[in-house]
Amino acid sequence: METQTLRLFVLAAEMLNISAAGRALGMAPAVASTRIAKLERFLGAELLHRSTRKVSLSLEGQDFLPYAREMIAQEEAALAVLGKGQTSISGRLRFTAPSTFAQIYIAPLLPAFMDAYPDLMLDLHFSDAQFDLIEGSYDLALRNSVLEDSSLTARKLADDKRILCASPEYLARFGTPEDPAELDSHRMIAFRDRDPRGLVSEDGTVTDFDPKRCAHTLVLNDGQTQKQATLSGAGISICSLWLVHDELGSGQLVQVLPKYEIAQKPALWLIYPKSNVVSAKVRVFIDFLTEHIGKKPVWAKTA
């Protein structure tokens, strides 16, 4: 199998367009279609479903895609060892991350990354909903939950401390709770789920806390909206420190029950398909995010 044909397949699977993938690699549409057909005959499987309207990845194509990426990465690594690798990083990098975090911390960094790697196309998907990496053909994802899929690899970017917080206006109106049991009579702002949370006191005592027991719960699915609702006095929320550290510093928000910690200790993880070799485009983006975000998280000063 020719590596260039594998590159064509991977790009066509990401773009869902064989002709466009071929043009990106300097091939005429007819040549690209012929190469894909030849690869399918060699493998004895249809990798891409074609119709007059669209191209889609077949089940066999989904299974083969990570191996195609692995073979390309292996070749790049071998050439790099011999000093014959590409002098510049090129291709298409598909990356997904939580929308709120990406708006605050990743988007401002993009111009610098684009200047450093002008031949690399960034295909970014920012959403607070999580997507399957393999099914979505993503090269890399940022997650704030524990890795459960054994087919993926995780690298910790930074700690993600959660705290209870509220606006001074809310606390003036409804009072400041001094004990976890008092939260039941307060308004709670919950993000996505409303699973019970453990609150750990200074002496190690764990108190179960369930937002569903609160006097009134506002459920939101967007981090920025949650912060705005908290700032507006809608209730007490559980927020990541990276989201509210500026507001805590300015006094716009106040930490509630500061002597208690959320039992779970989440972190921000960079997730990518498991492979013996990490592709150059993924490696440079991981290194870039680690250098600019992970080494000295700005919110760590508030922890």
Protein backbone atom coordinates (compact mmCIF):
# COMPACT_ATOMS: atom_id res chain seq x y z
CA MET A 1 0.00 0.00 0.00
CA GLU A 2 1.34 3.41 -0.94
CA THR A 3 1.47 5.89 1.90
CA GLN A 4 0.21 8.67 -0.37
CA THR A 5 -2.91 6.61 -1.09
CA LEU A 6 -3.40 6.10 2.63
CA ARG A 7 -3.08 9.87 3.12
CA LEU A 8 -5.73 10.32 0.43
CA PHE A 9 -8.08 7.89 2.18
CA VAL A 10 -7.60 9.54 5.59
CA LEU A 11 -8.20 13.00 4.16
CA ALA A 12 -11.23 11.81 2.18
CA ALA A 13 -12.64 10.22 5.33
CA GLU A 14 -12.23 13.51 7.20
CA MET A 15 -13.58 15.74 4.42
CA LEU A 16 -16.15 13.20 3.14
CA ASN A 17 -15.12 14.31 -0.32
CA ILE A 18 -12.72 12.29 -2.48
CA SER A 19 -12.21 15.01 -5.11
CA ALA A 20 -11.46 17.69 -2.52
CA ALA A 21 -9.07 15.37 -0.71
CA GLY A 22 -7.32 14.64 -4.00
CA ARG A 23 -6.97 18.34 -4.83
CA ALA A 24 -5.48 18.97 -1.39
CA LEU A 25 -2.81 16.40 -2.24
CA GLY A 26 -2.26 17.68 -5.77
CA MET A 27 -4.27 14.96 -7.54
CA ALA A 28 -6.91 15.31 -10.21
CA PRO A 29 -10.37 14.04 -9.10
CA ALA A 30 -10.21 11.09 -11.50
CA VAL A 31 -6.80 10.07 -10.19
CA ALA A 32 -8.02 10.31 -6.58
CA SER A 33 -11.06 8.13 -7.32
CA THR A 34 -8.90 5.57 -9.09
CA ARG A 35 -6.47 5.41 -6.17
CA ILE A 36 -9.25 4.88 -3.62
CA ALA A 37 -10.81 2.16 -5.78
CA LYS A 38 -7.43 0.45 -6.14
CA LEU A 39 -6.93 0.53 -2.35
CA GLU A 40 -10.39 -0.97 -1.82
CA ARG A 41 -9.66 -3.78 -4.30
CA PHE A 42 -6.38 -4.50 -2.53
CA LEU A 43 -8.11 -4.66 0.86
CA GLY A 44 -11.19 -6.44 -0.43
CA ALA A 45 -13.50 -3.98 1.29
CA GLU A 46 -15.44 -0.84 0.42
CA LEU A 47 -14.00 1.92 2.61
CA LEU A 48 -16.15 4.80 1.37
CA HIS A 49 -19.78 4.71 0.30
CA ARG A 50 -20.31 6.94 -2.76
CA SER A 51 -23.51 8.36 -4.13
CA THR A 52 -24.30 11.23 -6.49
CA ARG A 53 -24.89 13.46 -3.48
CA LYS A 54 -22.38 12.49 -0.81
CA VAL A 55 -19.55 10.30 0.42
CA SER A 56 -19.72 8.50 3.76
CA LEU A 57 -17.39 6.23 5.69
CA SER A 58 -18.35 2.54 5.67
CA LEU A 59 -18.08 0.32 8.73
CA GLU A 60 -14.97 -1.25 7.22
CA GLY A 61 -13.64 2.25 6.57
CA GLN A 62 -14.20 3.21 10.22
CA ASP A 63 -12.30 0.10 11.33
CA PHE A 64 -9.44 0.71 8.89
CA LEU A 65 -9.06 4.47 9.51
CA PRO A 66 -7.00 4.31 12.75
CA TYR A 67 -4.66 1.77 11.15
CA ALA A 68 -4.18 3.98 8.11
CA ARG A 69 -3.27 6.87 10.39
CA GLU A 70 -0.89 4.59 12.29
CA MET A 71 0.92 3.53 9.12
CA ILE A 72 1.33 7.16 8.04
CA ALA A 73 2.64 8.11 11.49
CA GLN A 74 5.05 5.17 11.46
CA GLU A 75 6.49 6.28 8.12
CA GLU A 76 6.89 9.88 9.33
CA ALA A 77 8.65 8.69 12.47
CA ALA A 78 10.99 6.43 10.50
CA LEU A 79 11.90 9.22 8.08
CA ALA A 80 12.47 11.62 10.96
CA VAL A 81 14.95 9.20 12.55
CA LEU A 82 16.89 9.18 9.27
CA GLY A 83 16.70 12.95 8.99
CA LYS A 84 14.46 12.68 5.95
CA GLY A 85 11.20 13.84 7.48
CA GLN A 86 9.22 16.82 6.28
CA THR A 87 10.78 20.14 7.21
CA SER A 88 7.34 21.58 7.97
CA ILE A 89 4.23 20.17 9.64
CA SER A 90 1.36 19.91 7.19
CA GLY A 91 -2.00 18.22 6.78
CA ARG A 92 -5.30 18.63 8.57
CA LEU A 93 -5.71 18.52 12.36
CA ARG A 94 -9.21 17.83 13.71
CA PHE A 95 -9.53 18.92 17.33
CA THR A 96 -12.55 19.15 19.63
CA ALA A 97 -12.79 20.87 23.03
CA PRO A 98 -15.40 22.23 25.45
CA SER A 99 -16.75 25.46 24.01
CA THR A 100 -16.35 27.68 27.07
CA PHE A 101 -12.76 26.63 27.79
CA ALA A 102 -11.84 26.97 24.12
CA GLN A 103 -13.26 30.50 23.89
CA ILE A 104 -11.31 31.69 26.92
CA TYR A 105 -8.00 29.86 26.61
CA ILE A 106 -7.52 28.27 23.18
CA ALA A 107 -8.96 30.76 20.68
CA PRO A 108 -6.57 33.59 21.73
CA LEU A 109 -3.60 31.26 21.11
CA LEU A 110 -4.56 30.26 17.58
CA PRO A 111 -2.82 33.13 15.72
CA ALA A 112 0.52 32.21 17.31
CA PHE A 113 0.07 28.54 16.45
CA MET A 114 -0.93 29.37 12.87
CA ASP A 115 2.17 31.55 12.50
CA ALA A 116 4.35 28.70 13.77
CA TYR A 117 2.75 26.07 11.50
CA PRO A 118 1.39 27.84 8.41
CA ASP A 119 1.06 24.60 6.39
CA LEU A 120 -1.16 22.88 8.97
CA MET A 121 -4.92 23.20 8.48
CA LEU A 122 -6.83 23.42 11.77
CA ASP A 123 -10.34 21.91 11.79
CA LEU A 124 -11.68 22.82 15.24
CA HIS A 125 -15.00 21.80 16.79
CA PHE A 126 -15.85 23.57 20.04
CA SER A 127 -18.88 22.28 21.95
CA ASP A 128 -19.75 21.41 25.52
CA ALA A 129 -21.16 18.12 24.16
CA GLN A 130 -18.61 15.32 23.91
CA PHE A 131 -18.05 13.52 20.62
CA ASP A 132 -16.65 10.09 19.85
CA LEU A 133 -13.08 10.58 18.60
CA ILE A 134 -12.98 7.57 16.30
CA GLU A 135 -16.45 8.02 14.84
CA GLY A 136 -15.89 11.75 14.37
CA SER A 137 -12.40 11.24 12.89
CA TYR A 138 -10.88 13.59 15.45
CA ASP A 139 -7.11 13.55 15.94
CA LEU A 140 -7.25 15.08 19.40
CA ALA A 141 -9.76 16.15 22.03
CA LEU A 142 -9.75 18.09 25.28
CA ARG A 143 -11.85 16.48 28.01
CA ASN A 144 -12.45 17.19 31.68
CA SER A 145 -13.46 13.66 32.65
CA VAL A 146 -11.66 10.41 33.38
CA LEU A 147 -10.68 8.34 30.35
CA GLU A 148 -12.76 5.15 30.09
CA ASP A 149 -12.18 4.06 26.47
CA SER A 150 -9.19 1.68 26.31
CA SER A 151 -8.66 2.51 22.63
CA LEU A 152 -7.63 6.06 23.56
CA THR A 153 -4.60 7.61 25.21
CA ALA A 154 -4.76 10.49 27.69
CA ARG A 155 -2.21 13.12 28.64
CA LYS A 156 -2.95 15.46 31.54
CA LEU A 157 -2.92 19.12 30.59
CA ALA A 158 -3.79 20.73 33.94
CA ASP A 159 -5.74 20.32 37.17
CA ASP A 160 -9.39 21.36 37.08
CA LYS A 161 -10.47 22.27 40.61
CA ARG A 162 -14.22 22.75 41.18
CA ILE A 163 -15.69 25.08 43.80
CA LEU A 164 -19.08 26.27 45.02
CA CYS A 165 -19.62 29.96 44.34
CA ALA A 166 -22.33 32.63 44.23
CA SER A 167 -22.67 36.36 43.71
CA PRO A 168 -22.60 38.73 46.70
CA GLU A 169 -26.13 39.84 45.72
CA TYR A 170 -27.46 36.28 45.97
CA LEU A 171 -25.81 35.72 49.34
CA ALA A 172 -27.15 39.04 50.66
CA ARG A 173 -30.65 38.01 49.61
CA PHE A 174 -30.69 34.35 50.66
CA GLY A 175 -27.89 34.11 53.21
CA THR A 176 -24.50 32.40 53.17
CA PRO A 177 -24.57 28.67 54.00
CA GLU A 178 -22.12 27.61 56.69
CA ASP A 179 -22.80 23.87 56.49
CA PRO A 180 -23.48 21.55 53.50
CA ALA A 181 -26.89 20.66 54.94
CA GLU A 182 -27.98 24.29 54.44
CA LEU A 183 -27.57 23.96 50.66
CA ASP A 184 -30.88 22.06 50.48
CA SER A 185 -32.74 25.34 51.14
CA HIS A 186 -30.82 27.27 48.47
CA ARG A 187 -31.14 27.73 44.74
CA MET A 188 -28.63 25.62 42.83
CA ILE A 189 -27.27 26.01 39.30
CA ALA A 190 -26.26 22.64 37.85
CA PHE A 191 -24.31 21.93 34.69
CA ARG A 192 -25.40 19.05 32.44
CA ASP A 193 -26.07 16.45 35.12
CA ARG A 194 -27.28 16.71 38.66
CA ASP A 195 -25.41 13.77 40.13
CA PRO A 196 -24.76 13.76 43.88
CA ARG A 197 -21.48 15.38 44.90
CA GLY A 198 -19.39 14.65 47.95
CA LEU A 199 -18.22 17.61 50.02
CA VAL A 200 -15.12 16.92 52.12
CA SER A 201 -14.49 18.92 55.30
CA GLU A 202 -11.08 19.84 56.71
CA ASP A 203 -11.17 16.80 59.03
CA GLY A 204 -11.93 14.46 56.12
CA THR A 205 -15.64 14.00 56.77
CA VAL A 206 -17.57 13.47 53.52
CA THR A 207 -21.09 14.86 53.18
CA ASP A 208 -23.22 13.79 50.23
CA PHE A 209 -24.73 16.69 48.34
CA ASP A 210 -27.46 16.21 45.76
CA PRO A 211 -28.56 19.32 43.76
CA LYS A 212 -31.95 17.66 43.19
CA ARG A 213 -32.74 18.20 46.87
CA CYS A 214 -32.26 21.95 46.65
CA ALA A 215 -35.15 24.40 46.94
CA HIS A 216 -34.85 25.20 43.23
CA THR A 217 -32.40 23.94 40.61
CA LEU A 218 -31.52 25.60 37.32
CA VAL A 219 -30.00 23.12 34.85
CA LEU A 220 -27.83 24.52 32.04
CA ASN A 221 -25.72 22.90 29.34
CA ASP A 222 -23.27 25.71 28.64
CA GLY A 223 -20.46 26.85 30.93
CA GLN A 224 -20.49 30.51 29.93
CA THR A 225 -24.25 30.70 30.51
CA GLN A 226 -23.80 29.06 33.89
CA LYS A 227 -21.26 31.68 34.91
CA GLN A 228 -23.48 34.53 33.73
CA ALA A 229 -26.44 33.10 35.63
CA THR A 230 -24.31 32.85 38.77
CA LEU A 231 -23.07 36.43 38.35
CA SER A 232 -26.69 37.56 37.94
CA GLY A 233 -27.65 36.03 41.29
CA ALA A 234 -29.61 33.02 40.05
CA GLY A 235 -28.09 30.70 42.64
CA ILE A 236 -25.07 28.78 43.88
CA SER A 237 -23.13 26.85 41.25
CA ILE A 238 -20.33 24.32 41.05
CA CYS A 239 -17.79 25.93 38.71
CA SER A 240 -14.34 25.08 37.49
CA LEU A 241 -11.72 27.43 38.87
CA TRP A 242 -10.47 28.17 35.34
CA LEU A 243 -13.93 29.58 34.56
CA VAL A 244 -14.38 31.93 37.52
CA HIS A 245 -10.92 32.78 38.91
CA ASP A 246 -11.07 36.35 37.55
CA GLU A 247 -14.50 36.96 39.08
CA LEU A 248 -13.35 35.55 42.43
CA GLY A 249 -10.38 37.92 42.35
CA SER A 250 -12.54 40.94 41.57
CA GLY A 251 -15.19 40.05 44.15
CA GLN A 252 -17.95 39.57 41.58
CA LEU A 253 -18.24 36.00 42.87
CA VAL A 254 -17.64 34.59 46.34
CA GLN A 255 -16.59 31.05 47.17
CA VAL A 256 -19.26 29.26 49.20
CA LEU A 257 -18.25 26.78 51.92
CA PRO A 258 -14.52 27.45 51.36
CA LYS A 259 -13.58 24.97 54.11
CA TYR A 260 -15.10 22.14 52.07
CA GLU A 261 -13.74 20.59 48.89
CA ILE A 262 -15.58 18.79 46.11
CA ALA A 263 -14.69 15.12 46.56
CA GLN A 264 -13.98 14.53 42.87
CA LYS A 265 -10.63 15.85 41.67
CA PRO A 266 -11.09 16.31 37.92
CA ALA A 267 -8.43 17.34 35.45
CA LEU A 268 -8.16 18.57 31.88
CA TRP A 269 -7.01 15.76 29.60
CA LEU A 270 -5.79 15.72 26.02
CA ILE A 271 -7.22 12.55 24.46
CA TYR A 272 -6.11 10.92 21.21
CA PRO A 273 -6.43 7.50 19.54
CA LYS A 274 -4.00 4.95 20.93
CA SER A 275 -1.00 4.48 18.66
CA ASN A 276 2.63 3.40 18.86
CA VAL A 277 3.56 6.69 17.22
CA VAL A 278 1.94 10.08 17.78
CA SER A 279 1.69 11.94 14.48
CA ALA A 280 3.75 15.10 14.12
CA LYS A 281 0.69 17.36 13.77
CA VAL A 282 -0.84 16.00 17.00
CA ARG A 283 2.46 16.16 18.85
CA VAL A 284 3.13 19.83 18.03
CA PHE A 285 -0.38 20.88 19.06
CA ILE A 286 -0.13 18.97 22.35
CA ASP A 287 3.26 20.57 23.02
CA PHE A 288 1.86 24.02 22.15
CA LEU A 289 -1.12 23.69 24.51
CA THR A 290 1.10 22.30 27.26
CA GLU A 291 3.55 25.17 26.90
CA HIS A 292 0.95 27.95 26.86
CA ILE A 293 -1.72 26.52 29.17
CA GLY A 294 -0.54 23.45 31.05
CA LYS A 295 2.81 24.53 32.49
CA LYS A 296 1.50 27.45 34.51
CA PRO A 297 -2.32 27.57 34.45
CA VAL A 298 -3.38 31.12 35.25
CA TRP A 299 -6.18 29.86 37.49
CA ALA A 300 -3.73 27.89 39.69
CA LYS A 301 -2.86 31.09 41.55
CA THR A 302 -6.43 31.17 42.90
CA ALA A 303 -6.42 27.54 44.06
